[in-house]
C-alpha atoms as a PDB file:
ATOM      1  CA  SER A   1       0.790 -23.997 -20.618  1.00  0.00           C
ATOM      2  CA  VAL A   2       0.887 -20.251 -21.114  1.00  0.00           C
ATOM      3  CA  PHE A   3       2.016 -19.583 -17.534  1.00  0.00           C
ATOM      4  CA  SER A   4       4.838 -21.283 -15.685  1.00  0.00           C
ATOM      5  CA  SER A   5       2.753 -21.698 -12.531  1.00  0.00           C
ATOM      6  CA  SER A   6      -0.759 -21.138 -11.258  1.00  0.00           C
ATOM      7  CA  GLU A   7       0.584 -18.411  -8.954  1.00  0.00           C
ATOM      8  CA  ARG A   8       1.889 -16.502 -11.973  1.00  0.00           C
ATOM      9  CA  ALA A   9      -1.444 -16.939 -13.742  1.00  0.00           C
ATOM     10  CA  HIS A  10      -3.320 -15.469 -10.777  1.00  0.00           C
ATOM     11  CA  GLN A  11      -1.048 -12.409 -10.757  1.00  0.00           C
ATOM     12  CA  VAL A  12      -2.435 -11.456 -14.145  1.00  0.00           C
ATOM     13  CA  LEU A  13      -5.982 -11.486 -12.794  1.00  0.00           C
ATOM     14  CA  ARG A  14      -5.256  -9.576  -9.596  1.00  0.00           C
ATOM     15  CA  ILE A  15      -6.918  -6.168  -9.408  1.00  0.00           C
ATOM     16  CA  ARG A  16      -5.136  -3.504  -7.428  1.00  0.00           C
ATOM     17  CA  LYS A  17      -7.544  -1.055  -5.819  1.00  0.00           C
ATOM     18  CA  ARG A  18      -6.653   2.364  -4.558  1.00  0.00           C
ATOM     19  CA  ALA A  19      -6.940   3.018  -0.839  1.00  0.00           C
ATOM     20  CA  ASN A  20      -9.890   5.361  -1.395  1.00  0.00           C
ATOM     21  CA  SER A  21     -11.633   3.397  -4.153  1.00  0.00           C
ATOM     22  CA  PHE A  22     -14.719   2.757  -2.013  1.00  0.00           C
ATOM     23  CA  LEU A  23     -15.294   6.541  -1.773  1.00  0.00           C
ATOM     24  CA  LYS A  24     -15.359   6.823  -5.559  1.00  0.00           C
ATOM     25  CA  GLU A  25     -18.728   5.064  -5.643  1.00  0.00           C
ATOM     26  CA  LEU A  26     -20.226   7.693  -3.319  1.00  0.00           C
ATOM     27  CA  ARG A  27     -19.162  10.765  -5.311  1.00  0.00           C
ATOM     28  CA  HIS A  28     -20.462  12.076  -8.629  1.00  0.00           C
ATOM     29  CA  SER A  29     -18.333  11.457 -11.677  1.00  0.00           C
ATOM     30  CA  SER A  30     -15.567  13.947 -12.297  1.00  0.00           C
ATOM     31  CA  LEU A  31     -13.897  14.499 -15.653  1.00  0.00           C
ATOM     32  CA  GLU A  32     -10.517  14.967 -13.978  1.00  0.00           C
ATOM     33  CA  ARG A  33     -10.825  11.833 -11.843  1.00  0.00           C
ATOM     34  CA  GLU A  34     -12.300   9.614 -14.541  1.00  0.00           C
ATOM     35  CA  CYS A  35     -10.384  10.675 -17.644  1.00  0.00           C
ATOM     36  CA  ILE A  36      -7.198  12.458 -16.593  1.00  0.00           C
ATOM     37  CA  GLU A  37      -6.019  10.532 -13.521  1.00  0.00           C
ATOM     38  CA  GLU A  38      -7.058   7.251 -15.138  1.00  0.00           C
ATOM     39  CA  ILE A  39      -7.732   6.067 -18.667  1.00  0.00           C
ATOM     40  CA  CYS A  40     -11.450   6.428 -19.314  1.00  0.00           C
ATOM     41  CA  ASP A  41     -13.705   4.771 -21.817  1.00  0.00           C
ATOM     42  CA  PHE A  42     -16.805   6.051 -23.623  1.00  0.00           C
ATOM     43  CA  GLU A  43     -19.198   4.829 -20.921  1.00  0.00           C
ATOM     44  CA  GLU A  44     -17.329   6.676 -18.150  1.00  0.00           C
ATOM     45  CA  ALA A  45     -17.217   9.863 -20.226  1.00  0.00           C
ATOM     46  CA  LYS A  46     -20.947   9.530 -20.962  1.00  0.00           C
ATOM     47  CA  GLU A  47     -21.645   9.384 -17.204  1.00  0.00           C
ATOM     48  CA  ILE A  48     -19.885  12.721 -16.784  1.00  0.00           C
ATOM     49  CA  PHE A  49     -21.494  14.588 -19.687  1.00  0.00           C
ATOM     50  CA  GLN A  50     -24.918  12.933 -19.246  1.00  0.00           C
ATOM     51  CA  ASN A  51     -25.591  12.741 -23.006  1.00  0.00           C
ATOM     52  CA  VAL A  52     -24.059  11.259 -26.129  1.00  0.00           C
ATOM     53  CA  ASP A  53     -23.720  14.524 -28.104  1.00  0.00           C
ATOM     54  CA  ASP A  54     -21.480  16.201 -25.496  1.00  0.00           C
ATOM     55  CA  THR A  55     -19.482  13.013 -25.013  1.00  0.00           C
END
């Protein structure tokens, strides 16, 4: 087995959400929030710039 216990295996899959993460869905994308505070990917950057050329 890769993990010593099932509890340890579940710790890998646990997602820690920020206290205000539900508000993030209500606000428009922000370059600072998406790509400076957190690591962003191409899709998140594309949401901010609204087109592929600017991204």
